C-alpha atoms as a PDB file:
ATOM      1  CA  MET A   1      28.760   7.717  30.475  1.00  0.00           C
ATOM      2  CA  ASN A   2      28.263   5.196  27.436  1.00  0.00           C
ATOM      3  CA  SER A   3      30.130   1.936  27.986  1.00  0.00           C
ATOM      4  CA  VAL A   4      30.696  -1.149  25.857  1.00  0.00           C
ATOM      5  CA  LYS A   5      31.991  -4.643  26.786  1.00  0.00           C
ATOM      6  CA  LEU A   6      35.164  -5.771  25.545  1.00  0.00           C
ATOM      7  CA  ASN A   7      35.154  -9.332  24.356  1.00  0.00           C
ATOM      8  CA  LEU A   8      37.727  -9.972  21.641  1.00  0.00           C
ATOM      9  CA  ASN A   9      41.017 -11.537  22.679  1.00  0.00           C
ATOM     10  CA  LYS A  10      42.917  -9.211  20.478  1.00  0.00           C
ATOM     11  CA  ASP A  11      41.599  -6.238  22.572  1.00  0.00           C
ATOM     12  CA  PHE A  12      42.707  -7.942  25.622  1.00  0.00           C
ATOM     13  CA  ARG A  13      45.901  -8.670  24.476  1.00  0.00           C
ATOM     14  CA  ARG A  14      46.648  -5.120  23.297  1.00  0.00           C
ATOM     15  CA  LEU A  15      45.756  -3.836  26.643  1.00  0.00           C
ATOM     16  CA  TYR A  16      47.945  -6.248  28.365  1.00  0.00           C
ATOM     17  CA  GLY A  17      50.950  -5.214  26.213  1.00  0.00           C
ATOM     18  CA  ARG A  18      50.466  -1.610  25.770  1.00  0.00           C
ATOM     19  CA  GLY A  19      48.135  -0.519  28.615  1.00  0.00           C
ATOM     20  CA  LYS A  20      49.016   1.107  31.774  1.00  0.00           C
ATOM     21  CA  SER A  21      48.677  -1.173  34.682  1.00  0.00           C
ATOM     22  CA  PHE A  22      47.734  -0.474  38.403  1.00  0.00           C
ATOM     23  CA  VAL A  23      47.810  -3.207  41.015  1.00  0.00           C
ATOM     24  CA  SER A  24      46.192  -3.531  44.365  1.00  0.00           C
ATOM     25  CA  PRO A  25      45.362  -6.837  46.247  1.00  0.00           C
ATOM     26  CA  LEU A  26      42.009  -6.907  44.923  1.00  0.00           C
ATOM     27  CA  LEU A  27      42.368  -6.498  41.244  1.00  0.00           C
ATOM     28  CA  VAL A  28      44.515  -5.430  38.462  1.00  0.00           C
ATOM     29  CA  THR A  29      43.470  -2.722  35.995  1.00  0.00           C
ATOM     30  CA  TYR A  30      44.924  -2.002  32.396  1.00  0.00           C
ATOM     31  CA  ILE A  31      43.942   1.447  31.043  1.00  0.00           C
ATOM     32  CA  MET A  32      44.816   2.631  27.482  1.00  0.00           C
ATOM     33  CA  PRO A  33      43.208   5.675  25.706  1.00  0.00           C
ATOM     34  CA  SER A  34      41.262   4.841  22.390  1.00  0.00           C
ATOM     35  CA  LYS A  35      40.019   7.137  19.675  1.00  0.00           C
ATOM     36  CA  ARG A  36      36.359   5.481  19.832  1.00  0.00           C
ATOM     37  CA  GLY A  37      34.916   8.207  21.748  1.00  0.00           C
ATOM     38  CA  ILE A  38      33.364   5.493  24.375  1.00  0.00           C
ATOM     39  CA  VAL A  39      34.450   3.510  27.397  1.00  0.00           C
ATOM     40  CA  ARG A  40      35.006  -0.087  26.674  1.00  0.00           C
ATOM     41  CA  TYR A  41      35.758  -2.359  29.492  1.00  0.00           C
ATOM     42  CA  GLY A  42      36.461  -6.196  29.896  1.00  0.00           C
ATOM     43  CA  ILE A  43      36.558  -8.429  33.197  1.00  0.00           C
ATOM     44  CA  THR A  44      38.821 -11.607  33.323  1.00  0.00           C
ATOM     45  CA  ALA A  45      39.393 -14.135  36.096  1.00  0.00           C
ATOM     46  CA  GLY A  46      42.087 -16.742  35.621  1.00  0.00           C
ATOM     47  CA  LYS A  47      41.971 -20.344  37.096  1.00  0.00           C
ATOM     48  CA  LYS A  48      44.280 -19.198  39.933  1.00  0.00           C
ATOM     49  CA  VAL A  49      41.038 -17.110  41.409  1.00  0.00           C
ATOM     50  CA  GLY A  50      39.431 -20.627  42.082  1.00  0.00           C
ATOM     51  CA  GLY A  51      36.665 -23.003  40.423  1.00  0.00           C
ATOM     52  CA  ALA A  52      33.843 -21.614  38.030  1.00  0.00           C
ATOM     53  CA  VAL A  53      31.774 -20.455  40.985  1.00  0.00           C
ATOM     54  CA  GLU A  54      34.593 -18.368  42.561  1.00  0.00           C
ATOM     55  CA  ARG A  55      35.637 -16.800  38.970  1.00  0.00           C
ATOM     56  CA  ASN A  56      31.904 -15.820  38.352  1.00  0.00           C
ATOM     57  CA  ARG A  57      31.502 -14.262  41.884  1.00  0.00           C
ATOM     58  CA  ALA A  58      34.791 -12.385  41.205  1.00  0.00           C
ATOM     59  CA  ARG A  59      33.474 -11.059  37.874  1.00  0.00           C
ATOM     60  CA  ARG A  60      30.087 -10.033  39.415  1.00  0.00           C
ATOM     61  CA  VAL A  61      31.730  -8.237  42.098  1.00  0.00           C
ATOM     62  CA  ILE A  62      33.935  -6.345  39.587  1.00  0.00           C
ATOM     63  CA  GLU A  63      30.871  -5.583  37.458  1.00  0.00           C
ATOM     64  CA  ALA A  64      28.933  -4.320  40.330  1.00  0.00           C
ATOM     65  CA  ALA A  65      31.878  -1.907  41.347  1.00  0.00           C
ATOM     66  CA  MET A  66      32.105  -0.912  37.637  1.00  0.00           C
ATOM     67  CA  ARG A  67      28.569   0.146  37.415  1.00  0.00           C
ATOM     68  CA  GLU A  68      28.835   2.258  40.842  1.00  0.00           C
ATOM     69  CA  ILE A  69      32.033   4.093  39.395  1.00  0.00           C
ATOM     70  CA  ALA A  70      31.238   4.532  35.695  1.00  0.00           C
ATOM     71  CA  PRO A  71      29.383   7.868  36.015  1.00  0.00           C
ATOM     72  CA  LEU A  72      32.629   9.516  37.540  1.00  0.00           C
ATOM     73  CA  ILE A  73      34.572   8.587  34.386  1.00  0.00           C
ATOM     74  CA  GLU A  74      35.219  11.904  32.495  1.00  0.00           C
ATOM     75  CA  CYS A  75      37.504  10.685  29.736  1.00  0.00           C
ATOM     76  CA  ASN A  76      35.907   9.999  26.307  1.00  0.00           C
ATOM     77  CA  GLY A  77      37.597   7.182  24.728  1.00  0.00           C
ATOM     78  CA  VAL A  78      39.283   4.689  26.972  1.00  0.00           C
ATOM     79  CA  ASP A  79      39.779   0.882  26.967  1.00  0.00           C
ATOM     80  CA  ILE A  80      40.010  -0.808  30.474  1.00  0.00           C
ATOM     81  CA  VAL A  81      40.629  -4.438  31.311  1.00  0.00           C
ATOM     82  CA  PHE A  82      40.079  -5.687  35.006  1.00  0.00           C
ATOM     83  CA  VAL A  83      41.868  -8.982  36.052  1.00  0.00           C
ATOM     84  CA  ALA A  84      40.417 -10.445  39.156  1.00  0.00           C
ATOM     85  CA  ARG A  85      42.875 -11.736  41.878  1.00  0.00           C
ATOM     86  CA  THR A  86      42.426 -14.329  44.561  1.00  0.00           C
ATOM     87  CA  LYS A  87      41.142 -11.800  47.133  1.00  0.00           C
ATOM     88  CA  THR A  88      38.352 -10.420  44.869  1.00  0.00           C
ATOM     89  CA  VAL A  89      36.280 -13.579  45.321  1.00  0.00           C
ATOM     90  CA  PHE A  90      36.044 -12.498  49.253  1.00  0.00           C
ATOM     91  CA  ALA A  91      35.615  -8.814  48.804  1.00  0.00           C
ATOM     92  CA  LYS A  92      32.525  -6.601  48.668  1.00  0.00           C
ATOM     93  CA  SER A  93      31.651  -4.626  45.718  1.00  0.00           C
ATOM     94  CA  TYR A  94      32.383  -1.434  47.660  1.00  0.00           C
ATOM     95  CA  GLN A  95      35.704  -2.524  48.595  1.00  0.00           C
ATOM     96  CA  VAL A  96      36.524  -3.237  44.894  1.00  0.00           C
ATOM     97  CA  ALA A  97      35.120   0.094  43.793  1.00  0.00           C
ATOM     98  CA  GLU A  98      37.519   1.892  46.289  1.00  0.00           C
ATOM     99  CA  ALA A  99      40.549   0.142  44.736  1.00  0.00           C
ATOM    100  CA  MET A 100      38.811   0.910  41.105  1.00  0.00           C
ATOM    101  CA  LYS A 101      38.641   4.614  42.136  1.00  0.00           C
ATOM    102  CA  LYS A 102      42.369   4.725  42.969  1.00  0.00           C
ATOM    103  CA  HIS A 103      43.314   3.250  39.843  1.00  0.00           C
ATOM    104  CA  PHE A 104      41.192   5.466  37.642  1.00  0.00           C
ATOM    105  CA  LYS A 105      42.498   8.315  39.656  1.00  0.00           C
ATOM    106  CA  ASP A 106      46.272   7.251  39.028  1.00  0.00           C
ATOM    107  CA  GLY A 107      45.264   6.720  35.442  1.00  0.00           C
ATOM    108  CA  GLY A 108      43.984  10.049  34.836  1.00  0.00           C
ATOM    109  CA  ILE A 109      40.361   9.125  33.723  1.00  0.00           C
ATOM    110  CA  VAL A 110      38.633  10.334  36.892  1.00  0.00           C
ATOM    111  CA  PRO A 111      39.198  13.875  38.380  1.00  0.00           C
ATOM    112  CA  GLN A 112      41.402  14.140  41.646  1.00  0.00           C
ATOM    113  CA  ALA A 113      38.927  14.434  44.369  1.00  0.00           C
ATOM    114  CA  LYS A 114      39.405  16.862  47.419  1.00  0.00           C
ATOM    115  CA  GLU A 115      39.663  14.509  50.226  1.00  0.00           C
END
């Protein structure tokens, strides 16, 4: 899977406004189809999450979870924004990956697994 980081404010704002959102205690995910043919994703952590150290840890945990889940994405052309929540700082990457996987299944970008 080919993925690129989102870093323009207009891209984040577009997803906040028009993307489909999925919420869990660990993170909020905004998903929106795009015509680019690649997966683009961005990660944000607001000041509510904590100081700089906590925000950076939350971003690192989300990044590690995304690396784990990325090969499962079967959609060509999707933009994703992850927003860290206060509990993200205390979570392990596999816990965030589980929440992420559920959001991706609900969003239709990962096939439904037979569980």
